[in-house]
Protein backbone atom coordinates (compact mmCIF):
# COMPACT_ATOMS: atom_id res chain seq x y z
CA MET A 1 0.00 0.00 0.00
CA LEU A 2 1.01 3.61 0.21
CA ARG A 3 4.04 3.47 2.40
CA HIS A 4 2.97 6.30 4.66
CA ALA A 5 -0.43 4.70 5.14
CA ARG A 6 0.46 1.04 5.37
CA ILE A 7 3.63 1.36 7.38
CA ALA A 8 1.88 3.52 9.88
CA VAL A 9 4.36 3.04 12.69
CA PHE A 10 7.92 4.25 12.18
CA SER A 11 7.84 4.31 8.38
CA VAL A 12 10.91 5.36 6.48
CA SER A 13 10.84 6.74 2.97
CA THR A 14 7.88 9.09 2.78
CA LEU A 15 9.26 11.71 5.07
CA LEU A 16 12.24 13.10 3.22
CA VAL A 17 12.59 11.20 -0.03
CA GLY A 18 9.11 12.17 -1.21
CA GLY A 19 7.82 8.67 -1.88
CA LEU A 20 4.41 7.49 -0.75
CA LEU A 21 3.82 3.20 2.63
CA ALA A 22 2.83 -1.66 4.56
CA ALA A 23 5.96 -4.98 3.40
CA CYS A 24 9.07 -5.77 1.86
CA GLY A 25 13.10 -6.43 -0.03
CA GLY A 26 16.86 -6.61 -3.04
CA SER A 27 19.07 -4.63 -3.94
CA GLY A 28 20.51 -1.44 -4.57
CA SER A 29 21.20 -1.77 -0.91
CA THR A 30 24.50 -1.92 0.88
CA SER A 31 25.18 -3.26 4.32
CA ALA A 32 27.25 -1.48 6.92
CA SER A 33 28.54 -1.84 10.44
CA SER A 34 30.25 0.51 12.83
CA SER A 35 33.88 1.33 12.29
CA SER A 36 34.51 0.75 15.99
CA ALA A 37 35.19 -2.67 17.50
CA ALA A 38 34.16 -5.71 15.50
CA PHE A 39 30.67 -6.98 16.24
CA SER A 40 30.15 -10.34 17.96
CA ALA A 41 26.69 -11.69 18.73
CA SER A 42 28.12 -13.60 21.68
CA THR A 43 29.34 -10.42 23.41
CA CYS A 44 26.81 -7.83 22.22
CA GLN A 45 24.80 -7.72 25.45
CA GLY A 46 24.52 -4.50 27.44
CA GLY A 47 24.21 -0.75 27.23
CA THR A 48 21.40 1.57 26.20
CA LEU A 49 20.42 2.16 22.59
CA TYR A 50 18.91 5.59 21.94
CA VAL A 51 16.40 6.08 19.14
CA LEU A 52 15.66 9.53 17.72
CA ASN A 53 12.36 9.61 15.81
CA GLN A 54 10.14 12.25 14.28
CA SER A 55 6.98 10.15 14.53
CA LYS A 56 4.84 10.89 17.58
CA ASN A 57 3.41 7.38 17.38
CA SER A 58 -0.15 8.50 18.02
CA SER A 59 -1.57 5.00 17.55
CA GLY A 60 0.39 3.43 20.41
CA PHE A 61 1.38 -0.23 20.44
CA ASP A 62 -1.71 -2.35 20.10
CA PRO A 63 -0.62 -5.22 17.80
CA ALA A 64 -4.04 -5.18 16.11
CA VAL A 65 -3.42 -1.78 14.51
CA LEU A 66 0.26 -2.04 13.60
CA TYR A 67 2.21 -2.99 10.53
CA THR A 68 5.47 -4.81 11.26
CA SER A 69 6.53 -6.89 8.27
CA GLY A 70 6.15 -3.83 6.11
CA GLY A 71 8.15 -1.39 8.13
CA GLY A 72 7.46 -1.22 11.83
CA ALA A 73 10.79 -1.50 13.62
CA ILE A 74 9.89 -1.03 17.29
CA PRO A 75 6.92 -3.47 17.44
CA ARG A 76 9.20 -6.35 16.47
CA LEU A 77 11.01 -5.83 19.77
CA LEU A 78 7.77 -6.19 21.73
CA PHE A 79 5.94 -8.91 19.82
CA ARG A 80 6.72 -12.28 18.36
CA THR A 81 4.51 -13.64 15.61
CA LEU A 82 3.91 -17.02 13.99
CA THR A 83 6.56 -16.25 11.39
CA THR A 84 9.03 -13.43 10.89
CA ARG A 85 11.68 -12.23 8.45
CA GLN A 86 15.12 -13.79 8.52
CA SER A 87 17.47 -11.44 10.36
CA VAL A 88 20.46 -11.44 8.03
CA ALA A 89 21.96 -8.99 5.59
CA GLY A 90 21.42 -9.17 1.85
CA THR A 91 18.66 -10.76 -0.16
CA ALA A 92 18.49 -13.67 2.32
CA GLY A 93 16.80 -11.14 4.60
CA THR A 94 13.70 -11.33 2.40
CA LYS A 95 13.08 -14.94 3.47
CA VAL A 96 10.21 -15.75 5.84
CA VAL A 97 11.19 -18.02 8.76
CA PRO A 98 9.46 -19.49 11.84
CA ASP A 99 9.10 -17.36 14.97
CA LEU A 100 6.58 -18.65 17.53
CA ALA A 101 5.78 -21.51 15.17
CA THR A 102 7.93 -24.53 14.45
CA ASP A 103 7.83 -23.88 10.70
CA THR A 104 6.40 -21.39 8.22
CA GLY A 105 3.12 -23.26 7.99
CA GLU A 106 1.70 -26.49 6.60
CA PRO A 107 -0.55 -25.72 3.61
CA SER A 108 -3.30 -27.88 2.24
CA GLN A 109 -2.86 -28.99 -1.35
CA ASN A 110 -4.43 -25.84 -2.76
CA ALA A 111 -3.18 -23.43 -0.05
CA THR A 112 -6.62 -22.77 1.45
CA VAL A 113 -5.86 -24.30 4.86
CA TRP A 114 -2.73 -23.38 6.85
CA THR A 115 -1.72 -25.19 10.04
CA TYR A 116 0.85 -23.99 12.59
CA HIS A 117 2.33 -25.67 15.66
CA LEU A 118 3.87 -23.58 18.45
CA LYS A 119 7.32 -24.13 19.86
CA PRO A 120 7.33 -25.55 23.39
CA GLY A 121 7.89 -23.39 26.48
CA LEU A 122 6.83 -20.02 25.05
CA THR A 123 5.92 -17.39 27.64
CA TYR A 124 4.90 -13.73 27.97
CA ALA A 125 6.94 -11.17 29.88
CA ASP A 126 4.93 -12.02 33.03
CA GLY A 127 5.93 -15.69 32.77
CA THR A 128 2.54 -17.07 31.75
CA ALA A 129 2.38 -19.55 28.89
CA ILE A 130 1.56 -18.52 25.33
CA THR A 131 -1.09 -20.74 23.75
CA SER A 132 -2.70 -21.08 20.34
CA ALA A 133 -5.92 -19.68 21.86
CA ASP A 134 -4.07 -16.41 22.51
CA ILE A 135 -3.13 -16.13 18.84
CA LYS A 136 -6.68 -16.96 17.74
CA TYR A 137 -8.00 -14.25 20.06
CA ALA A 138 -5.43 -11.76 18.75
CA VAL A 139 -6.54 -12.40 15.17
CA GLU A 140 -10.20 -12.07 16.14
CA ARG A 141 -9.82 -8.78 18.00
CA SER A 142 -8.07 -7.27 14.96
CA PHE A 143 -11.48 -7.35 13.21
CA SER A 144 -12.97 -4.91 15.74
CA SER A 145 -13.80 -1.49 14.30
CA GLN A 146 -12.32 0.24 17.34
CA LEU A 147 -8.95 -1.37 16.52
CA ALA A 148 -8.87 -0.53 12.81
CA GLY A 149 -5.64 0.35 11.05
CA GLY A 150 -3.75 -2.89 10.53
CA PRO A 151 -3.39 -4.89 7.29
CA PRO A 152 -6.72 -5.63 5.58
CA TYR A 153 -5.87 -9.11 4.31
CA LEU A 154 -7.45 -11.20 7.07
CA ARG A 155 -10.91 -9.79 6.41
CA ASP A 156 -10.57 -10.74 2.76
CA TRP A 157 -8.79 -14.07 3.13
CA LEU A 158 -10.43 -15.84 6.08
CA VAL A 159 -13.71 -17.67 5.63
CA GLY A 160 -16.38 -15.49 7.22
CA GLY A 161 -13.95 -12.59 7.59
CA ALA A 162 -15.98 -10.20 5.45
CA THR A 163 -18.84 -10.07 7.96
CA TYR A 164 -17.08 -10.80 11.26
CA GLN A 165 -16.95 -7.82 13.66
CA GLY A 166 -14.59 -9.10 16.34
CA PRO A 167 -15.14 -10.63 19.77
CA TYR A 168 -16.28 -7.51 21.62
CA ASN A 169 -19.96 -6.84 22.42
CA GLY A 170 -20.94 -10.47 22.08
CA GLY A 171 -19.36 -10.90 18.67
CA GLY A 172 -18.31 -14.46 19.40
CA GLU A 173 -15.52 -16.41 17.75
CA LEU A 174 -14.39 -16.66 14.14
CA ALA A 175 -14.97 -20.27 13.14
CA SER A 176 -12.39 -20.22 10.36
CA VAL A 177 -9.60 -20.01 12.97
CA SER A 178 -9.50 -23.16 15.09
CA THR A 179 -7.27 -24.42 17.90
CA PRO A 180 -7.38 -28.23 18.14
CA ASP A 181 -4.98 -28.07 21.10
CA PRO A 182 -2.97 -25.40 22.98
CA ALA A 183 -0.05 -25.73 20.57
CA THR A 184 -1.93 -25.88 17.25
CA ILE A 185 -3.78 -23.24 15.24
CA VAL A 186 -5.48 -23.72 11.88
CA PHE A 187 -6.60 -21.04 9.42
CA HIS A 188 -9.30 -21.75 6.81
CA LEU A 189 -9.13 -19.40 3.81
CA ARG A 190 -11.85 -18.72 1.29
CA LYS A 191 -9.33 -18.79 -1.56
CA PRO A 192 -5.77 -20.05 -2.15
CA GLU A 193 -3.07 -17.83 -0.68
CA GLY A 194 0.47 -19.06 -1.14
CA ASP A 195 1.79 -15.93 0.61
CA PHE A 196 0.05 -16.70 3.91
CA PRO A 197 3.37 -17.32 5.75
CA TYR A 198 4.33 -13.69 4.99
CA LEU A 199 1.07 -12.35 6.38
CA ALA A 200 1.65 -14.44 9.52
CA ALA A 201 4.63 -12.17 10.26
CA GLU A 202 2.31 -9.22 10.97
CA THR A 203 1.55 -8.27 14.57
CA GLN A 204 -2.08 -9.35 14.21
CA PHE A 205 -0.60 -12.82 14.76
CA ALA A 206 1.17 -11.80 17.99
CA PRO A 207 -0.52 -13.47 20.99
CA VAL A 208 -2.83 -11.45 23.23
CA PRO A 209 -4.06 -12.98 26.51
CA LYS A 210 -7.82 -12.44 26.60
CA ALA A 211 -7.84 -11.87 30.36
CA LYS A 212 -5.52 -8.89 29.98
CA ASP A 213 -7.13 -7.28 26.95
CA THR A 214 -8.21 -3.72 27.79
CA GLY A 215 -9.61 -2.84 24.38
CA LYS A 216 -8.58 0.62 23.22
CA ASN A 217 -6.34 1.04 26.27
CA TYR A 218 -4.25 -1.99 25.35
CA ASN A 219 -2.14 0.21 23.06
CA SER A 220 -0.26 1.84 25.94
CA ALA A 221 0.62 -1.31 27.90
CA PRO A 222 0.46 -4.45 25.74
CA VAL A 223 1.67 -7.76 27.13
CA SER A 224 5.05 -8.47 25.56
CA SER A 225 6.05 -11.71 23.88
CA GLY A 226 9.28 -10.27 22.43
CA PRO A 227 12.70 -9.50 23.96
CA TYR A 228 11.62 -6.16 25.45
CA THR A 229 8.70 -4.81 27.41
CA ILE A 230 7.46 -1.26 27.93
CA ALA A 231 8.83 0.38 31.08
CA SER A 232 7.24 3.78 30.39
CA TYR A 233 5.41 5.47 27.54
CA THR A 234 4.46 9.12 27.17
CA GLN A 235 2.48 9.54 23.97
CA GLY A 236 4.16 11.84 21.51
CA GLN A 237 7.28 12.22 23.66
CA SER A 238 9.07 9.08 24.76
CA LEU A 239 9.09 5.32 25.02
CA ASP A 240 11.42 3.31 27.26
CA LEU A 241 11.95 -0.42 26.75
CA VAL A 242 13.63 -2.86 29.14
CA ARG A 243 14.40 -6.53 28.86
CA ASN A 244 11.69 -9.16 29.05
CA PRO A 245 13.17 -11.47 31.73
CA HIS A 246 11.37 -14.49 30.28
CA TRP A 247 12.65 -14.07 26.73
CA SER A 248 15.53 -16.24 25.51
CA ARG A 249 17.56 -16.53 22.33
CA THR A 250 17.13 -20.28 22.71
CA SER A 251 13.58 -20.01 21.36
CA ASP A 252 14.09 -16.83 19.31
CA SER A 253 16.92 -17.03 16.79
CA GLN A 254 15.84 -13.92 14.86
CA ARG A 255 16.33 -11.21 17.50
CA LEU A 256 19.71 -10.63 19.12
CA ALA A 257 18.29 -8.05 21.56
CA CYS A 258 21.75 -6.75 22.42
CA PRO A 259 21.06 -3.56 24.47
CA ASP A 260 19.75 -3.82 28.04
CA LYS A 261 17.54 -0.78 27.46
CA ILE A 262 16.16 1.12 24.49
CA ASP A 263 15.34 4.80 25.04
CA ILE A 264 13.15 6.26 22.27
CA SER A 265 12.53 9.99 21.80
CA LEU A 266 9.45 10.92 19.76
CA GLY A 267 8.34 14.04 17.91
CA LEU A 268 11.77 15.39 16.95
CA SER A 269 12.35 17.35 13.75
CA PRO A 270 14.27 15.62 10.92
CA ALA A 271 16.90 18.39 10.95
CA VAL A 272 17.53 17.91 14.67
CA ILE A 273 17.76 14.14 14.30
CA ASN A 274 20.32 14.27 11.51
CA GLN A 275 22.33 16.99 13.25
CA ARG A 276 22.51 14.96 16.46
CA LEU A 277 23.45 11.76 14.66
CA SER A 278 26.11 13.61 12.67
CA ALA A 279 27.64 15.16 15.80
CA SER A 280 27.45 11.83 17.67
CA VAL A 281 28.10 13.45 21.07
CA GLY A 282 27.19 11.87 24.39
CA HIS A 283 24.19 9.56 24.20
CA ASP A 284 23.83 10.40 20.52
CA ALA A 285 26.91 8.27 19.83
CA ASP A 286 24.70 5.33 20.87
CA ALA A 287 21.76 6.47 18.74
CA ILE A 288 19.89 5.57 15.57
CA SER A 289 16.63 6.66 13.95
CA THR A 290 13.98 4.29 12.66
CA ASP A 291 12.07 6.84 10.59
CA THR A 292 14.37 9.61 9.34
CA THR A 293 16.35 9.52 6.12
CA LEU A 294 19.06 11.91 5.02
CA ASP A 295 18.20 14.94 2.92
CA PRO A 296 20.34 16.09 -0.04
CA ALA A 297 22.08 18.84 1.98
CA THR A 298 23.17 16.40 4.70
CA LEU A 299 24.27 13.87 2.10
CA ALA A 300 26.49 16.52 0.51
CA LYS A 301 28.19 17.10 3.86
CA ILE A 302 28.64 13.37 4.38
CA ALA A 303 30.23 12.93 0.96
CA ALA A 304 33.04 15.28 2.03
CA ASN A 305 33.49 13.61 5.44
CA PRO A 306 34.90 10.05 5.38
CA ALA A 307 34.12 9.49 9.07
CA LEU A 308 30.44 10.28 8.52
CA LYS A 309 30.34 8.25 5.34
CA LYS A 310 31.38 5.17 7.31
CA ARG A 311 28.33 5.67 9.51
CA THR A 312 25.87 5.84 6.63
CA VAL A 313 23.83 2.90 5.43
CA SER A 314 21.54 2.73 2.41
CA GLY A 315 18.69 0.47 1.43
CA THR A 316 15.77 0.24 -0.92
CA PHE A 317 12.20 -0.51 0.10
CA ALA A 318 10.10 -2.28 -2.52
CA GLN A 319 8.05 0.69 -3.59
CA ALA A 320 6.96 2.09 -6.94
CA ASN A 321 6.31 5.77 -7.52
CA TYR A 322 4.30 6.30 -10.65
CA LEU A 323 1.64 8.16 -12.59
CA ALA A 324 -1.71 6.45 -12.17
CA PHE A 325 -4.30 6.71 -14.95
CA ASN A 326 -8.04 6.50 -14.25
CA LEU A 327 -9.29 4.53 -17.25
CA THR A 328 -12.89 5.48 -16.56
CA LYS A 329 -12.13 9.11 -17.41
CA LYS A 330 -11.09 10.69 -20.69
CA PRO A 331 -8.57 10.90 -22.21
CA PHE A 332 -7.05 7.92 -20.40
CA ASP A 333 -9.58 5.44 -21.69
CA ASN A 334 -7.49 5.69 -24.88
CA LEU A 335 -4.39 3.45 -24.95
CA LEU A 336 -2.65 5.78 -27.41
CA VAL A 337 -2.90 8.66 -24.94
CA ARG A 338 -1.47 6.51 -22.16
CA GLU A 339 1.37 5.47 -24.45
CA ALA A 340 2.05 9.12 -25.30
CA PHE A 341 2.40 9.94 -21.60
CA SER A 342 4.75 6.97 -21.25
CA TYR A 343 7.01 8.16 -24.05
CA ALA A 344 7.04 11.82 -22.99
CA VAL A 345 8.15 11.29 -19.38
CA ASP A 346 11.50 12.75 -18.28
CA ARG A 347 12.67 10.39 -15.55
CA THR A 348 15.96 12.20 -15.08
CA ALA A 349 14.11 15.39 -14.16
CA VAL A 350 11.91 13.50 -11.71
CA VAL A 351 14.89 11.76 -10.06
CA ASN A 352 16.68 15.10 -9.74
CA ALA A 353 13.56 16.61 -8.19
CA GLU A 354 13.60 13.84 -5.58
CA GLY A 355 17.19 14.60 -4.58
CA GLY A 356 19.24 12.96 -7.30
CA THR A 357 20.55 9.47 -7.84
CA GLN A 358 21.57 9.10 -4.20
CA LEU A 359 17.91 9.17 -3.21
CA ALA A 360 16.04 7.83 -6.23
CA THR A 361 16.50 5.39 -9.13
CA PRO A 362 14.54 5.71 -12.39
CA ALA A 363 12.13 2.87 -13.16
CA THR A 364 10.59 1.68 -16.44
CA ALA A 365 8.90 -1.45 -15.01
CA TYR A 366 6.17 -1.37 -12.40
CA THR A 367 7.65 -3.94 -9.98
CA PRO A 368 10.82 -2.43 -8.48
CA THR A 369 14.23 -4.03 -8.81
CA SER A 370 14.41 -4.59 -5.05
CA LEU A 371 11.83 -7.38 -5.45
CA VAL A 372 14.58 -9.39 -7.08
CA ALA A 373 12.71 -12.66 -7.60
CA ALA A 374 9.66 -10.94 -9.14
CA TYR A 375 11.38 -8.19 -11.11
CA HIS A 376 11.23 -8.49 -14.90
CA PRO A 377 13.06 -5.68 -16.73
CA TYR A 378 11.06 -4.13 -19.52
CA ASP A 379 10.74 -0.78 -21.25
CA TYR A 380 7.91 -0.96 -23.75
CA PHE A 381 7.75 2.80 -24.29
CA PRO A 382 11.42 3.88 -24.36
CA ALA A 383 11.59 7.51 -23.37
CA GLY A 384 15.33 7.55 -22.89
CA ALA A 385 16.80 9.55 -20.05
CA THR A 386 14.88 12.76 -20.75
CA GLY A 387 11.75 11.77 -22.68
CA ASN A 388 10.70 11.34 -26.29
CA PRO A 389 8.28 14.22 -26.97
CA ALA A 390 8.29 13.66 -30.75
CA LYS A 391 6.96 10.12 -30.37
CA ALA A 392 4.43 11.35 -27.82
CA LYS A 393 3.12 14.04 -30.19
CA GLN A 394 2.76 11.44 -32.94
CA LEU A 395 0.66 9.20 -30.69
CA LEU A 396 -1.48 12.09 -29.48
CA ALA A 397 -2.25 13.02 -33.08
CA GLN A 398 -3.29 9.42 -33.80
CA ALA A 399 -5.51 9.54 -30.71
CA GLY A 400 -7.28 12.65 -31.99
CA TYR A 401 -5.27 15.32 -30.17
CA PRO A 402 -3.09 16.88 -32.89
CA ASP A 403 -2.88 20.14 -30.94
CA GLY A 404 -2.03 18.48 -27.63
CA LEU A 405 -4.24 18.32 -24.57
CA THR A 406 -4.69 19.72 -21.07
CA VAL A 407 -5.25 17.56 -17.97
CA SER A 408 -4.98 18.00 -14.21
CA LEU A 409 -2.34 16.16 -12.18
CA ALA A 410 -3.31 15.43 -8.58
CA TYR A 411 -0.41 15.10 -6.15
CA ASN A 412 0.33 15.13 -2.44
CA ASN A 413 1.36 18.68 -1.54
CA SER A 414 4.17 17.33 0.63
CA ASP A 415 6.08 16.54 -2.58
CA PRO A 416 5.65 19.37 -5.12
CA ALA A 417 9.06 18.93 -6.78
CA ALA A 418 8.21 15.80 -8.78
CA ALA A 419 4.90 17.27 -9.95
CA THR A 420 6.62 20.42 -11.18
CA ALA A 421 9.27 18.37 -13.00
CA LEU A 422 6.55 16.37 -14.75
CA GLN A 423 4.70 19.55 -15.72
CA GLN A 424 7.79 20.92 -17.42
CA ALA A 425 8.61 17.64 -19.17
CA TYR A 426 5.14 17.07 -20.58
CA ALA A 427 4.93 20.62 -21.91
CA LYS A 428 7.55 19.60 -24.48
CA ALA A 429 5.09 17.08 -25.89
CA GLY A 430 2.19 19.52 -26.06
CA ILE A 431 0.66 18.22 -22.85
CA THR A 432 -0.34 20.89 -20.36
CA LEU A 433 -0.50 19.63 -16.77
CA LYS A 434 -2.58 21.72 -14.41
CA LEU A 435 -1.16 20.94 -10.99
CA ASP A 436 -3.75 19.99 -8.36
CA ALA A 437 -2.04 20.04 -4.97
CA ILE A 438 -4.01 18.04 -2.39
CA ASP A 439 -3.24 18.46 1.29
CA ALA A 440 -1.41 15.45 2.72
CA SER A 441 -4.12 15.01 5.38
CA SER A 442 -6.82 14.40 2.76
CA PHE A 443 -4.81 13.04 -0.18
CA ASP A 444 -5.53 9.36 0.41
CA ASP A 445 -9.22 9.94 1.08
CA LYS A 446 -9.70 11.80 -2.18
CA VAL A 447 -7.62 9.80 -4.63
CA THR A 448 -8.71 6.35 -3.34
CA ASN A 449 -12.41 7.22 -3.43
CA THR A 450 -13.96 6.16 -6.74
CA THR A 451 -16.38 9.10 -6.62
CA THR A 452 -13.67 11.75 -6.23
CA GLN A 453 -10.66 10.04 -7.83
CA PRO A 454 -8.86 12.32 -10.34
CA ALA A 455 -8.09 11.27 -13.90
CA LEU A 456 -4.30 11.48 -13.30
CA THR A 457 -2.51 11.05 -9.98
CA LEU A 458 1.10 11.02 -8.81
CA PHE A 459 0.98 7.95 -6.59
CA GLY A 460 3.09 5.38 -4.79
CA TRP A 461 2.73 1.82 -3.58
CA GLY A 462 4.91 -0.38 -1.39
CA ALA A 463 4.66 -4.13 -0.93
CA ASP A 464 3.77 -5.35 2.56
CA TRP A 465 6.17 -8.28 2.15
CA PRO A 466 8.75 -9.24 -0.49
CA SER A 467 6.46 -10.76 -3.07
CA GLY A 468 4.75 -9.71 -6.26
CA GLY A 469 1.38 -10.64 -4.77
CA PRO A 470 0.81 -7.66 -2.46
CA PHE A 471 2.40 -5.48 -5.10
CA LEU A 472 0.27 -6.36 -8.12
CA THR A 473 -3.01 -7.60 -6.65
CA PRO A 474 -4.30 -4.40 -4.97
CA ILE A 475 -3.36 -2.33 -8.04
CA PHE A 476 -4.53 -4.53 -10.93
CA ASP A 477 -7.03 -7.12 -9.62
CA GLY A 478 -10.49 -5.96 -10.72
CA ARG A 479 -12.09 -7.61 -7.71
CA GLU A 480 -10.06 -5.27 -5.50
CA ILE A 481 -11.92 -2.22 -6.81
CA VAL A 482 -13.72 -0.72 -3.82
CA LYS A 483 -16.58 1.62 -4.58
CA GLY A 484 -16.20 4.69 -2.41
CA GLY A 485 -13.05 5.00 -0.30
CA GLY A 486 -10.08 2.69 0.07
CA ASN A 487 -9.68 1.76 -3.60
CA PHE A 488 -6.06 1.41 -4.72
CA ASN A 489 -6.78 0.04 -8.19
CA LEU A 490 -6.72 3.61 -9.49
CA ALA A 491 -6.92 2.43 -13.11
CA GLN A 492 -10.19 0.70 -12.11
CA TYR A 493 -8.87 -2.02 -14.36
CA ASN A 494 -10.86 -5.26 -14.36
CA ASP A 495 -9.88 -8.09 -16.70
CA ALA A 496 -11.19 -11.60 -16.04
CA SER A 497 -8.09 -13.30 -17.43
CA VAL A 498 -5.80 -11.22 -15.20
CA ASN A 499 -7.96 -11.99 -12.18
CA ALA A 500 -7.79 -15.69 -13.03
CA GLU A 501 -4.00 -15.54 -13.35
CA ILE A 502 -3.77 -13.92 -9.93
CA ASP A 503 -5.81 -16.81 -8.51
CA ARG A 504 -3.55 -19.34 -10.22
CA ILE A 505 -0.38 -17.78 -8.84
CA ASN A 506 -1.86 -17.60 -5.34
CA GLN A 507 -2.04 -21.40 -5.28
CA ILE A 508 1.73 -21.66 -5.71
CA THR A 509 3.55 -22.17 -2.41
CA ASP A 510 7.06 -22.41 -3.86
CA TYR A 511 8.48 -18.89 -3.55
CA ALA A 512 10.74 -18.85 -6.61
CA THR A 513 8.06 -20.28 -8.89
CA ALA A 514 5.46 -17.83 -7.62
CA GLN A 515 7.72 -14.82 -8.02
CA LYS A 516 8.58 -15.69 -11.60
CA ALA A 517 4.85 -15.90 -12.32
CA TRP A 518 4.23 -12.51 -10.69
CA GLY A 519 7.01 -11.05 -12.81
CA ASP A 520 5.50 -12.54 -15.97
CA LEU A 521 2.15 -10.98 -15.08
CA ASP A 522 3.75 -7.59 -14.46
CA ALA A 523 5.43 -7.74 -17.87
CA ARG A 524 2.08 -8.56 -19.45
CA LEU A 525 0.32 -5.67 -17.71
CA GLY A 526 3.12 -3.26 -18.57
CA LYS A 527 2.18 -3.42 -22.26
CA LEU A 528 -1.17 -1.79 -21.42
CA ALA A 529 0.40 1.42 -20.07
CA LEU A 530 -1.85 1.35 -17.00
CA THR A 531 0.80 3.37 -15.16
CA VAL A 532 3.91 5.37 -15.97
CA PRO A 533 6.64 4.01 -13.66
CA LEU A 534 8.86 6.87 -12.46
CA TYR A 535 11.33 5.90 -9.73
CA THR A 536 12.04 3.93 -6.60
CA GLY A 537 13.33 5.72 -3.53
CA ILE A 538 16.61 4.99 -1.79
CA ASP A 539 16.80 5.30 1.99
CA GLN A 540 20.06 6.82 3.25
CA VAL A 541 20.35 6.80 7.04
CA LEU A 542 22.99 7.70 9.62
CA TYR A 543 23.80 6.08 12.96
CA GLY A 544 25.91 7.01 15.98
CA SER A 545 29.61 6.22 16.23
CA ASN A 546 29.15 3.56 18.95
CA VAL A 547 26.46 1.64 17.07
CA LYS A 548 27.38 -1.74 15.62
CA ASN A 549 25.77 -4.30 13.30
CA ALA A 550 23.58 -1.76 11.50
CA TYR A 551 23.15 -3.94 8.41
CA VAL A 552 20.32 -3.46 5.95
CA ASP A 553 17.22 -5.57 6.41
CA GLU A 554 16.15 -5.97 2.80
CA TRP A 555 12.57 -6.88 3.69
CA ARG A 556 12.07 -3.22 4.53
CA GLY A 557 15.18 -1.52 3.11
CA TRP A 558 16.26 -0.44 6.61
CA TYR A 559 18.59 -1.69 9.29
CA ASP A 560 17.25 -4.32 11.65
CA ILE A 561 16.90 -2.78 15.11
CA ALA A 562 16.57 -6.23 16.70
CA SER A 563 20.19 -6.90 15.71
CA VAL A 564 21.76 -3.51 16.47
CA SER A 565 24.11 -3.15 19.44
CA VAL A 566 26.15 -0.43 21.14
CA LYS A 567 29.60 -0.45 22.73
């Protein structure tokens, strides 16, 4: 989904790079570690890690409303889930692995039933046992309207999920989630979903003991199943984490949990965060940020300072930034017009507007290169580095617009630079873009509502996990068109054969085979010019001089806080 919407807690690229947030991994990324003493997992225990964030975290820490596999860093320290991402550098970090469960799930032959068995001896921070009933209850409470905000997949995937309203107010249980015994949980899906193990990494699958559920108030003091628990939390200001005394690496191989304490400051300005990390004085030498990237001015300073450069790490989140056509509105019901827009685009100008090649990479295919297994390179409408206005004019004339045309471009007013660059580029092809700046607070509501959706929108989408499924399905599956709000298929494209191919791929449980099929589908859709791919963002982040093991987690294009340590 939109990165700033899906990855609602501690997201990364929207804030300074100008991209739009849920999950997943790669390349273009580089790993890094501190230039101080060599890191050793066997001796990394101790100290306090300081986190400097601009988010005020208004939603708190209720696992029902969070996104973790897509981008939430802090929640992974508090909650364990049935599965999780593999905590290693490089593309291996895009692999899903067991967490609370003994494996990544046992699928039925057509991937409509998924069974999980819990590891023995699992406990909460208070020492009580974690059972399959706690995970079932956690899933059920995530359906409650008062806990809205988390991933939408469960409502769509689980049998009966579309009408279930959660366990509160006599809502009862969801029959499609069963617990034959305290260590077994079974999910019955209404359709094949080969990606279910990736969804099971979201915090909606973190156990919640029913006896300690306080509804809306649970967000300030959730019961921890991860390596840390909340010592104190002041909304919008600070969060202090201390060790969970009942957590052990013996049962959790994916979180090193090196620091004894984690002290998180909230609501800081990006400029202050980067200045403090650059100076690396006092506690700031032991600091990182989980939501603030470097701006072009700071990057210029770093380029001239070798010591700072050693403390910089880069990564790429699987996100596409693109022009979205509404095929229900003229002139974009005409393929020739869409092709003209594809030829006329100046990707170099857009990349420069986003901060240059250090912060953005031009894209000609919809699926980004960071989704390595699903990425198929194609460029059906070669615009070159700066656009092909002559070819665009030719196509416009064939489409019945020999004198060019005028259309409005809707964009989030937090990122005017790219819109202005596009306006100037398209003018060369006789296309006049009237810029329609929409306030960031209402952008999503307007452009994802089928009654108010513009004809042309500067948009972005990020995968909730490293797979083509959550990347292509919400954007191109006609059954995903939602009348009214919450529609992300902005083309309003509905083709029965494409929908059937999505269903076929969803039955594939072998990752490599499925990703190749998603890539083939993307290449097929690309010929229809349903979007104009523009760029993928690059996250450049800085960490304090005492921080070690800050490697890139390629599921999210960010370093893995569960593996970071301090001197």
